[in-house]
Amino acid sequence: RQAPGKQRELVAAIISGNLNYLDS
């Protein structure tokens, strides 16, 4: 996701079956 004036950030991903989430 990318909010106005901010850098794009990874929110959630599935990498080789493993789930990853942004802490927030």
mmCIF file of all heavy atoms, coordinates in Angstrom:
data_MODEL
# 
_entry.id   MODEL 
# 
loop_
_atom_site.group_PDB 
_atom_site.id 
_atom_site.type_symbol 
_atom_site.label_atom_id 
_atom_site.label_alt_id 
_atom_site.label_comp_id 
_atom_site.label_asym_id 
_atom_site.label_entity_id 
_atom_site.label_seq_id 
_atom_site.pdbx_PDB_ins_code 
_atom_site.Cartn_x 
_atom_site.Cartn_y 
_atom_site.Cartn_z 
_atom_site.occupancy 
_atom_site.B_iso_or_equiv 
_atom_site.pdbx_formal_charge 
_atom_site.auth_seq_id 
_atom_site.auth_comp_id 
_atom_site.auth_asym_id 
_atom_site.auth_atom_id 
_atom_site.pdbx_PDB_model_num 
ATOM 1   N N   . ARG A 1 1  ? 0.835  -1.191  0.000  1.00 0.00 ? 1  ARG A N   1 
ATOM 2   C CA  . ARG A 1 1  ? 0.000  0.000   0.000  1.00 0.00 ? 1  ARG A CA  1 
ATOM 3   C C   . ARG A 1 1  ? 0.873  1.245   0.000  1.00 0.00 ? 1  ARG A C   1 
ATOM 4   O O   . ARG A 1 1  ? 2.021  1.210   0.452  1.00 0.00 ? 1  ARG A O   1 
ATOM 5   C CB  . ARG A 1 1  ? -0.951 0.033   1.201  1.00 0.00 ? 1  ARG A CB  1 
ATOM 6   C CG  . ARG A 1 1  ? -0.283 0.218   2.549  1.00 0.00 ? 1  ARG A CG  1 
ATOM 7   C CD  . ARG A 1 1  ? -1.316 0.099   3.659  1.00 0.00 ? 1  ARG A CD  1 
ATOM 8   N NE  . ARG A 1 1  ? -0.712 0.287   4.978  1.00 0.00 ? 1  ARG A NE  1 
ATOM 9   C CZ  . ARG A 1 1  ? -1.354 0.052   6.120  1.00 0.00 ? 1  ARG A CZ  1 
ATOM 10  N NH1 . ARG A 1 1  ? -2.614 -0.371  6.120  1.00 0.00 ? 1  ARG A NH1 1 
ATOM 11  N NH2 . ARG A 1 1  ? -0.734 0.252   7.275  1.00 0.00 ? 1  ARG A NH2 1 
ATOM 12  N N   . GLN A 1 2  ? 0.296  2.317   -0.512 1.00 0.00 ? 2  GLN A N   1 
ATOM 13  C CA  . GLN A 1 2  ? 0.997  3.591   -0.529 1.00 0.00 ? 2  GLN A CA  1 
ATOM 14  C C   . GLN A 1 2  ? 0.020  4.704   -0.200 1.00 0.00 ? 2  GLN A C   1 
ATOM 15  O O   . GLN A 1 2  ? -0.956 4.917   -0.930 1.00 0.00 ? 2  GLN A O   1 
ATOM 16  C CB  . GLN A 1 2  ? 1.651  3.845   -1.879 1.00 0.00 ? 2  GLN A CB  1 
ATOM 17  C CG  . GLN A 1 2  ? 2.540  5.075   -1.897 1.00 0.00 ? 2  GLN A CG  1 
ATOM 18  C CD  . GLN A 1 2  ? 3.451  5.121   -3.106 1.00 0.00 ? 2  GLN A CD  1 
ATOM 19  O OE1 . GLN A 1 2  ? 3.212  4.470   -4.112 1.00 0.00 ? 2  GLN A OE1 1 
ATOM 20  N NE2 . GLN A 1 2  ? 4.529  5.888   -3.013 1.00 0.00 ? 2  GLN A NE2 1 
ATOM 21  N N   . ALA A 1 3  ? 0.290  5.379   0.905  1.00 0.00 ? 3  ALA A N   1 
ATOM 22  C CA  . ALA A 1 3  ? -0.515 6.526   1.312  1.00 0.00 ? 3  ALA A CA  1 
ATOM 23  C C   . ALA A 1 3  ? 0.118  7.799   0.748  1.00 0.00 ? 3  ALA A C   1 
ATOM 24  O O   . ALA A 1 3  ? 1.315  7.820   0.455  1.00 0.00 ? 3  ALA A O   1 
ATOM 25  C CB  . ALA A 1 3  ? -0.593 6.582   2.833  1.00 0.00 ? 3  ALA A CB  1 
ATOM 26  N N   . PRO A 1 4  ? -0.668 8.857   0.609  1.00 0.00 ? 4  PRO A N   1 
ATOM 27  C CA  . PRO A 1 4  ? -0.125 10.111  0.071  1.00 0.00 ? 4  PRO A CA  1 
ATOM 28  C C   . PRO A 1 4  ? 1.072  10.589  0.872  1.00 0.00 ? 4  PRO A C   1 
ATOM 29  O O   . PRO A 1 4  ? 1.021  10.656  2.105  1.00 0.00 ? 4  PRO A O   1 
ATOM 30  C CB  . PRO A 1 4  ? -1.302 11.079  0.198  1.00 0.00 ? 4  PRO A CB  1 
ATOM 31  C CG  . PRO A 1 4  ? -2.509 10.215  0.159  1.00 0.00 ? 4  PRO A CG  1 
ATOM 32  C CD  . PRO A 1 4  ? -2.113 8.956   0.860  1.00 0.00 ? 4  PRO A CD  1 
ATOM 33  N N   . GLY A 1 5  ? 2.163  10.917  0.177  1.00 0.00 ? 5  GLY A N   1 
ATOM 34  C CA  . GLY A 1 5  ? 3.357  11.427  0.823  1.00 0.00 ? 5  GLY A CA  1 
ATOM 35  C C   . GLY A 1 5  ? 4.194  10.396  1.543  1.00 0.00 ? 5  GLY A C   1 
ATOM 36  O O   . GLY A 1 5  ? 5.171  10.743  2.213  1.00 0.00 ? 5  GLY A O   1 
ATOM 37  N N   . LYS A 1 6  ? 3.825  9.112   1.408  1.00 0.00 ? 6  LYS A N   1 
ATOM 38  C CA  . LYS A 1 6  ? 4.571  8.062   2.096  1.00 0.00 ? 6  LYS A CA  1 
ATOM 39  C C   . LYS A 1 6  ? 5.104  7.050   1.095  1.00 0.00 ? 6  LYS A C   1 
ATOM 40  O O   . LYS A 1 6  ? 4.619  6.958   -0.041 1.00 0.00 ? 6  LYS A O   1 
ATOM 41  C CB  . LYS A 1 6  ? 3.674  7.365   3.130  1.00 0.00 ? 6  LYS A CB  1 
ATOM 42  C CG  . LYS A 1 6  ? 3.242  8.254   4.269  1.00 0.00 ? 6  LYS A CG  1 
ATOM 43  C CD  . LYS A 1 6  ? 2.501  7.454   5.327  1.00 0.00 ? 6  LYS A CD  1 
ATOM 44  C CE  . LYS A 1 6  ? 2.117  8.318   6.516  1.00 0.00 ? 6  LYS A CE  1 
ATOM 45  N NZ  . LYS A 1 6  ? 1.417  7.535   7.568  1.00 0.00 ? 6  LYS A NZ  1 
ATOM 46  N N   . GLN A 1 7  ? 6.082  6.293   1.542  1.00 0.00 ? 7  GLN A N   1 
ATOM 47  C CA  . GLN A 1 7  ? 6.634  5.251   0.692  1.00 0.00 ? 7  GLN A CA  1 
ATOM 48  C C   . GLN A 1 7  ? 5.709  4.042   0.653  1.00 0.00 ? 7  GLN A C   1 
ATOM 49  O O   . GLN A 1 7  ? 4.932  3.800   1.585  1.00 0.00 ? 7  GLN A O   1 
ATOM 50  C CB  . GLN A 1 7  ? 8.008  4.828   1.223  1.00 0.00 ? 7  GLN A CB  1 
ATOM 51  C CG  . GLN A 1 7  ? 9.100  5.873   1.027  1.00 0.00 ? 7  GLN A CG  1 
ATOM 52  C CD  . GLN A 1 7  ? 10.478 5.334   1.382  1.00 0.00 ? 7  GLN A CD  1 
ATOM 53  O OE1 . GLN A 1 7  ? 10.602 4.461   2.236  1.00 0.00 ? 7  GLN A OE1 1 
ATOM 54  N NE2 . GLN A 1 7  ? 11.493 5.842   0.729  1.00 0.00 ? 7  GLN A NE2 1 
ATOM 55  N N   . ARG A 1 8  ? 5.826  3.292   -0.436 1.00 0.00 ? 8  ARG A N   1 
ATOM 56  C CA  . ARG A 1 8  ? 5.050  2.068   -0.534 1.00 0.00 ? 8  ARG A CA  1 
ATOM 57  C C   . ARG A 1 8  ? 5.563  1.076   0.501  1.00 0.00 ? 8  ARG A C   1 
ATOM 58  O O   . ARG A 1 8  ? 6.768  0.928   0.693  1.00 0.00 ? 8  ARG A O   1 
ATOM 59  C CB  . ARG A 1 8  ? 5.183  1.489   -1.944 1.00 0.00 ? 8  ARG A CB  1 
ATOM 60  C CG  . ARG A 1 8  ? 4.280  0.316   -2.236 1.00 0.00 ? 8  ARG A CG  1 
ATOM 61  C CD  . ARG A 1 8  ? 4.366  -0.115  -3.684 1.00 0.00 ? 8  ARG A CD  1 
ATOM 62  N NE  . ARG A 1 8  ? 3.866  0.898   -4.597 1.00 0.00 ? 8  ARG A NE  1 
ATOM 63  C CZ  . ARG A 1 8  ? 3.616  0.675   -5.880 1.00 0.00 ? 8  ARG A CZ  1 
ATOM 64  N NH1 . ARG A 1 8  ? 3.832  -0.517  -6.412 1.00 0.00 ? 8  ARG A NH1 1 
ATOM 65  N NH2 . ARG A 1 8  ? 3.169  1.645   -6.650 1.00 0.00 ? 8  ARG A NH2 1 
ATOM 66  N N   . GLU A 1 9  ? 4.637  0.384   1.181  1.00 0.00 ? 9  GLU A N   1 
ATOM 67  C CA  . GLU A 1 9  ? 5.023  -0.585  2.206  1.00 0.00 ? 9  GLU A CA  1 
ATOM 68  C C   . GLU A 1 9  ? 4.321  -1.912  1.986  1.00 0.00 ? 9  GLU A C   1 
ATOM 69  O O   . GLU A 1 9  ? 3.189  -1.960  1.480  1.00 0.00 ? 9  GLU A O   1 
ATOM 70  C CB  . GLU A 1 9  ? 4.709  -0.049  3.616  1.00 0.00 ? 9  GLU A CB  1 
ATOM 71  C CG  . GLU A 1 9  ? 3.264  0.208   3.895  1.00 0.00 ? 9  GLU A CG  1 
ATOM 72  C CD  . GLU A 1 9  ? 3.023  0.761   5.301  1.00 0.00 ? 9  GLU A CD  1 
ATOM 73  O OE1 . GLU A 1 9  ? 3.984  0.879   6.085  1.00 0.00 ? 9  GLU A OE1 1 
ATOM 74  O OE2 . GLU A 1 9  ? 1.847  1.071   5.604  1.00 0.00 ? 9  GLU A OE2 1 
ATOM 75  N N   . LEU A 1 10 ? 5.008  -2.974  2.378  1.00 0.00 ? 10 LEU A N   1 
ATOM 76  C CA  . LEU A 1 10 ? 4.441  -4.315  2.264  1.00 0.00 ? 10 LEU A CA  1 
ATOM 77  C C   . LEU A 1 10 ? 3.474  -4.540  3.407  1.00 0.00 ? 10 LEU A C   1 
ATOM 78  O O   . LEU A 1 10 ? 3.842  -4.419  4.574  1.00 0.00 ? 10 LEU A O   1 
ATOM 79  C CB  . LEU A 1 10 ? 5.553  -5.362  2.290  1.00 0.00 ? 10 LEU A CB  1 
ATOM 80  C CG  . LEU A 1 10 ? 5.116  -6.817  2.212  1.00 0.00 ? 10 LEU A CG  1 
ATOM 81  C CD1 . LEU A 1 10 ? 4.392  -7.101  0.904  1.00 0.00 ? 10 LEU A CD1 1 
ATOM 82  C CD2 . LEU A 1 10 ? 6.316  -7.736  2.381  1.00 0.00 ? 10 LEU A CD2 1 
ATOM 83  N N   . VAL A 1 11 ? 2.250  -4.897  3.079  1.00 0.00 ? 11 VAL A N   1 
ATOM 84  C CA  . VAL A 1 11 ? 1.212  -5.113  4.081  1.00 0.00 ? 11 VAL A CA  1 
ATOM 85  C C   . VAL A 1 11 ? 1.121  -6.584  4.462  1.00 0.00 ? 11 VAL A C   1 
ATOM 86  O O   . VAL A 1 11 ? 1.042  -6.927  5.645  1.00 0.00 ? 11 VAL A O   1 
ATOM 87  C CB  . VAL A 1 11 ? -0.147 -4.616  3.548  1.00 0.00 ? 11 VAL A CB  1 
ATOM 88  C CG1 . VAL A 1 11 ? -1.253 -4.926  4.543  1.00 0.00 ? 11 VAL A CG1 1 
ATOM 89  C CG2 . VAL A 1 11 ? -0.087 -3.130  3.240  1.00 0.00 ? 11 VAL A CG2 1 
ATOM 90  N N   . ALA A 1 12 ? 1.100  -7.448  3.462  1.00 0.00 ? 12 ALA A N   1 
ATOM 91  C CA  . ALA A 1 12 ? 0.942  -8.879  3.714  1.00 0.00 ? 12 ALA A CA  1 
ATOM 92  C C   . ALA A 1 12 ? 1.520  -9.648  2.539  1.00 0.00 ? 12 ALA A C   1 
ATOM 93  O O   . ALA A 1 12 ? 1.444  -9.179  1.396  1.00 0.00 ? 12 ALA A O   1 
ATOM 94  C CB  . ALA A 1 12 ? -0.531 -9.235  3.899  1.00 0.00 ? 12 ALA A CB  1 
ATOM 95  N N   . ALA A 1 13 ? 2.067  -10.814 2.825  1.00 0.00 ? 13 ALA A N   1 
ATOM 96  C CA  . ALA A 1 13 ? 2.650  -11.616 1.758  1.00 0.00 ? 13 ALA A CA  1 
ATOM 97  C C   . ALA A 1 13 ? 2.588  -13.098 2.112  1.00 0.00 ? 13 ALA A C   1 
ATOM 98  O O   . ALA A 1 13 ? 2.569  -13.473 3.289  1.00 0.00 ? 13 ALA A O   1 
ATOM 99  C CB  . ALA A 1 13 ? 4.102  -11.211 1.500  1.00 0.00 ? 13 ALA A CB  1 
ATOM 100 N N   . ILE A 1 14 ? 2.535  -13.907 1.065  1.00 0.00 ? 14 ILE A N   1 
ATOM 101 C CA  . ILE A 1 14 ? 2.705  -15.348 1.195  1.00 0.00 ? 14 ILE A CA  1 
ATOM 102 C C   . ILE A 1 14 ? 3.979  -15.683 0.436  1.00 0.00 ? 14 ILE A C   1 
ATOM 103 O O   . ILE A 1 14 ? 4.063  -15.477 -0.776 1.00 0.00 ? 14 ILE A O   1 
ATOM 104 C CB  . ILE A 1 14 ? 1.525  -16.131 0.613  1.00 0.00 ? 14 ILE A CB  1 
ATOM 105 C CG1 . ILE A 1 14 ? 0.212  -15.716 1.275  1.00 0.00 ? 14 ILE A CG1 1 
ATOM 106 C CG2 . ILE A 1 14 ? 1.756  -17.630 0.797  1.00 0.00 ? 14 ILE A CG2 1 
ATOM 107 C CD1 . ILE A 1 14 ? -1.029 -16.377 0.676  1.00 0.00 ? 14 ILE A CD1 1 
ATOM 108 N N   . ILE A 1 15 ? 4.961  -16.176 1.174  1.00 0.00 ? 15 ILE A N   1 
ATOM 109 C CA  . ILE A 1 15 ? 6.260  -16.491 0.574  1.00 0.00 ? 15 ILE A CA  1 
ATOM 110 C C   . ILE A 1 15 ? 6.551  -17.957 0.839  1.00 0.00 ? 15 ILE A C   1 
ATOM 111 O O   . ILE A 1 15 ? 6.750  -18.348 1.991  1.00 0.00 ? 15 ILE A O   1 
ATOM 112 C CB  . ILE A 1 15 ? 7.366  -15.595 1.145  1.00 0.00 ? 15 ILE A CB  1 
ATOM 113 C CG1 . ILE A 1 15 ? 7.017  -14.120 0.908  1.00 0.00 ? 15 ILE A CG1 1 
ATOM 114 C CG2 . ILE A 1 15 ? 8.709  -15.939 0.514  1.00 0.00 ? 15 ILE A CG2 1 
ATOM 115 C CD1 . ILE A 1 15 ? 7.957  -13.145 1.579  1.00 0.00 ? 15 ILE A CD1 1 
ATOM 116 N N   . SER A 1 16 ? 6.518  -18.741 -0.197 1.00 0.00 ? 16 SER A N   1 
ATOM 117 C CA  . SER A 1 16 ? 6.725  -20.198 -0.087 1.00 0.00 ? 16 SER A CA  1 
ATOM 118 C C   . SER A 1 16 ? 5.833  -20.788 0.991  1.00 0.00 ? 16 SER A C   1 
ATOM 119 O O   . SER A 1 16 ? 6.272  -21.622 1.797  1.00 0.00 ? 16 SER A O   1 
ATOM 120 C CB  . SER A 1 16 ? 8.197  -20.505 0.206  1.00 0.00 ? 16 SER A CB  1 
ATOM 121 O OG  . SER A 1 16 ? 9.014  -20.050 -0.854 1.00 0.00 ? 16 SER A OG  1 
ATOM 122 N N   . GLY A 1 17 ? 4.607  -20.347 1.027  1.00 0.00 ? 17 GLY A N   1 
ATOM 123 C CA  . GLY A 1 17 ? 3.627  -20.886 1.956  1.00 0.00 ? 17 GLY A CA  1 
ATOM 124 C C   . GLY A 1 17 ? 3.602  -20.221 3.320  1.00 0.00 ? 17 GLY A C   1 
ATOM 125 O O   . GLY A 1 17 ? 2.692  -20.486 4.120  1.00 0.00 ? 17 GLY A O   1 
ATOM 126 N N   . ASN A 1 18 ? 4.554  -19.361 3.610  1.00 0.00 ? 18 ASN A N   1 
ATOM 127 C CA  . ASN A 1 18 ? 4.589  -18.681 4.908  1.00 0.00 ? 18 ASN A CA  1 
ATOM 128 C C   . ASN A 1 18 ? 3.910  -17.325 4.822  1.00 0.00 ? 18 ASN A C   1 
ATOM 129 O O   . ASN A 1 18 ? 4.138  -16.566 3.888  1.00 0.00 ? 18 ASN A O   1 
ATOM 130 C CB  . ASN A 1 18 ? 6.032  -18.491 5.364  1.00 0.00 ? 18 ASN A CB  1 
ATOM 131 C CG  . ASN A 1 18 ? 6.742  -19.809 5.604  1.00 0.00 ? 18 ASN A CG  1 
ATOM 132 O OD1 . ASN A 1 18 ? 6.226  -20.675 6.309  1.00 0.00 ? 18 ASN A OD1 1 
ATOM 133 N ND2 . ASN A 1 18 ? 7.910  -19.990 5.005  1.00 0.00 ? 18 ASN A ND2 1 
ATOM 134 N N   . LEU A 1 19 ? 3.094  -17.028 5.826  1.00 0.00 ? 19 LEU A N   1 
ATOM 135 C CA  . LEU A 1 19 ? 2.370  -15.769 5.864  1.00 0.00 ? 19 LEU A CA  1 
ATOM 136 C C   . LEU A 1 19 ? 3.195  -14.717 6.600  1.00 0.00 ? 19 LEU A C   1 
ATOM 137 O O   . LEU A 1 19 ? 3.774  -14.989 7.645  1.00 0.00 ? 19 LEU A O   1 
ATOM 138 C CB  . LEU A 1 19 ? 1.021  -15.943 6.568  1.00 0.00 ? 19 LEU A CB  1 
ATOM 139 C CG  . LEU A 1 19 ? 0.099  -17.011 6.006  1.00 0.00 ? 19 LEU A CG  1 
ATOM 140 C CD1 . LEU A 1 19 ? -1.203 -17.053 6.811  1.00 0.00 ? 19 LEU A CD1 1 
ATOM 141 C CD2 . LEU A 1 19 ? -0.197 -16.773 4.546  1.00 0.00 ? 19 LEU A CD2 1 
ATOM 142 N N   . ASN A 1 20 ? 3.207  -13.515 6.034  1.00 0.00 ? 20 ASN A N   1 
ATOM 143 C CA  . ASN A 1 20 ? 3.931  -12.402 6.642  1.00 0.00 ? 20 ASN A CA  1 
ATOM 144 C C   . ASN A 1 20 ? 3.040  -11.176 6.651  1.00 0.00 ? 20 ASN A C   1 
ATOM 145 O O   . ASN A 1 20 ? 2.365  -10.898 5.659  1.00 0.00 ? 20 ASN A O   1 
ATOM 146 C CB  . ASN A 1 20 ? 5.205  -12.094 5.835  1.00 0.00 ? 20 ASN A CB  1 
ATOM 147 C CG  . ASN A 1 20 ? 6.146  -13.267 5.759  1.00 0.00 ? 20 ASN A CG  1 
ATOM 148 O OD1 . ASN A 1 20 ? 7.000  -13.465 6.613  1.00 0.00 ? 20 ASN A OD1 1 
ATOM 149 N ND2 . ASN A 1 20 ? 5.992  -14.081 4.730  1.00 0.00 ? 20 ASN A ND2 1 
ATOM 150 N N   . TYR A 1 21 ? 3.058  -10.452 7.767  1.00 0.00 ? 21 TYR A N   1 
ATOM 151 C CA  . TYR A 1 21 ? 2.208  -9.267  7.896  1.00 0.00 ? 21 TYR A CA  1 
ATOM 152 C C   . TYR A 1 21 ? 2.985  -8.099  8.478  1.00 0.00 ? 21 TYR A C   1 
ATOM 153 O O   . TYR A 1 21 ? 3.857  -8.278  9.340  1.00 0.00 ? 21 TYR A O   1 
ATOM 154 C CB  . TYR A 1 21 ? 1.007  -9.552  8.799  1.00 0.00 ? 21 TYR A CB  1 
ATOM 155 C CG  . TYR A 1 21 ? 0.044  -10.558 8.249  1.00 0.00 ? 21 TYR A CG  1 
ATOM 156 C CD1 . TYR A 1 21 ? 0.093  -11.892 8.636  1.00 0.00 ? 21 TYR A CD1 1 
ATOM 157 C CD2 . TYR A 1 21 ? -0.934 -10.173 7.333  1.00 0.00 ? 21 TYR A CD2 1 
ATOM 158 C CE1 . TYR A 1 21 ? -0.792 -12.823 8.120  1.00 0.00 ? 21 TYR A CE1 1 
ATOM 159 C CE2 . TYR A 1 21 ? -1.825 -11.099 6.819  1.00 0.00 ? 21 TYR A CE2 1 
ATOM 160 C CZ  . TYR A 1 21 ? -1.741 -12.423 7.218  1.00 0.00 ? 21 TYR A CZ  1 
ATOM 161 O OH  . TYR A 1 21 ? -2.631 -13.335 6.693  1.00 0.00 ? 21 TYR A OH  1 
ATOM 162 N N   . LEU A 1 22 ? 2.616  -6.916  8.031  1.00 0.00 ? 22 LEU A N   1 
ATOM 163 C CA  . LEU A 1 22 ? 3.080  -5.693  8.657  1.00 0.00 ? 22 LEU A CA  1 
ATOM 164 C C   . LEU A 1 22 ? 2.565  -5.677  10.096 1.00 0.00 ? 22 LEU A C   1 
ATOM 165 O O   . LEU A 1 22 ? 1.409  -6.067  10.345 1.00 0.00 ? 22 LEU A O   1 
ATOM 166 C CB  . LEU A 1 22 ? 2.527  -4.498  7.866  1.00 0.00 ? 22 LEU A CB  1 
ATOM 167 C CG  . LEU A 1 22 ? 2.921  -3.098  8.279  1.00 0.00 ? 22 LEU A CG  1 
ATOM 168 C CD1 . LEU A 1 22 ? 4.397  -2.872  7.992  1.00 0.00 ? 22 LEU A CD1 1 
ATOM 169 C CD2 . LEU A 1 22 ? 2.068  -2.085  7.513  1.00 0.00 ? 22 LEU A CD2 1 
ATOM 170 N N   . ASP A 1 23 ? 3.385  -5.255  11.035 1.00 0.00 ? 23 ASP A N   1 
ATOM 171 C CA  . ASP A 1 23 ? 2.987  -5.317  12.445 1.00 0.00 ? 23 ASP A CA  1 
ATOM 172 C C   . ASP A 1 23 ? 1.655  -4.609  12.699 1.00 0.00 ? 23 ASP A C   1 
ATOM 173 O O   . ASP A 1 23 ? 0.817  -5.090  13.473 1.00 0.00 ? 23 ASP A O   1 
ATOM 174 C CB  . ASP A 1 23 ? 4.068  -4.694  13.329 1.00 0.00 ? 23 ASP A CB  1 
ATOM 175 C CG  . ASP A 1 23 ? 5.252  -5.622  13.529 1.00 0.00 ? 23 ASP A CG  1 
ATOM 176 O OD1 . ASP A 1 23 ? 5.138  -6.823  13.205 1.00 0.00 ? 23 ASP A OD1 1 
ATOM 177 O OD2 . ASP A 1 23 ? 6.294  -5.146  14.012 1.00 0.00 ? 23 ASP A OD2 1 
ATOM 178 N N   . SER A 1 24 ? 1.452  -3.492  12.054 1.00 0.00 ? 24 SER A N   1 
ATOM 179 C CA  . SER A 1 24 ? 0.253  -2.691  12.339 1.00 0.00 ? 24 SER A CA  1 
ATOM 180 C C   . SER A 1 24 ? -1.036 -3.322  11.835 1.00 0.00 ? 24 SER A C   1 
ATOM 181 O O   . SER A 1 24 ? -2.127 -2.853  12.192 1.00 0.00 ? 24 SER A O   1 
ATOM 182 C CB  . SER A 1 24 ? 0.408  -1.290  11.747 1.00 0.00 ? 24 SER A CB  1 
ATOM 183 O OG  . SER A 1 24 ? 0.513  -1.348  10.338 1.00 0.00 ? 24 SER A OG  1 
# 
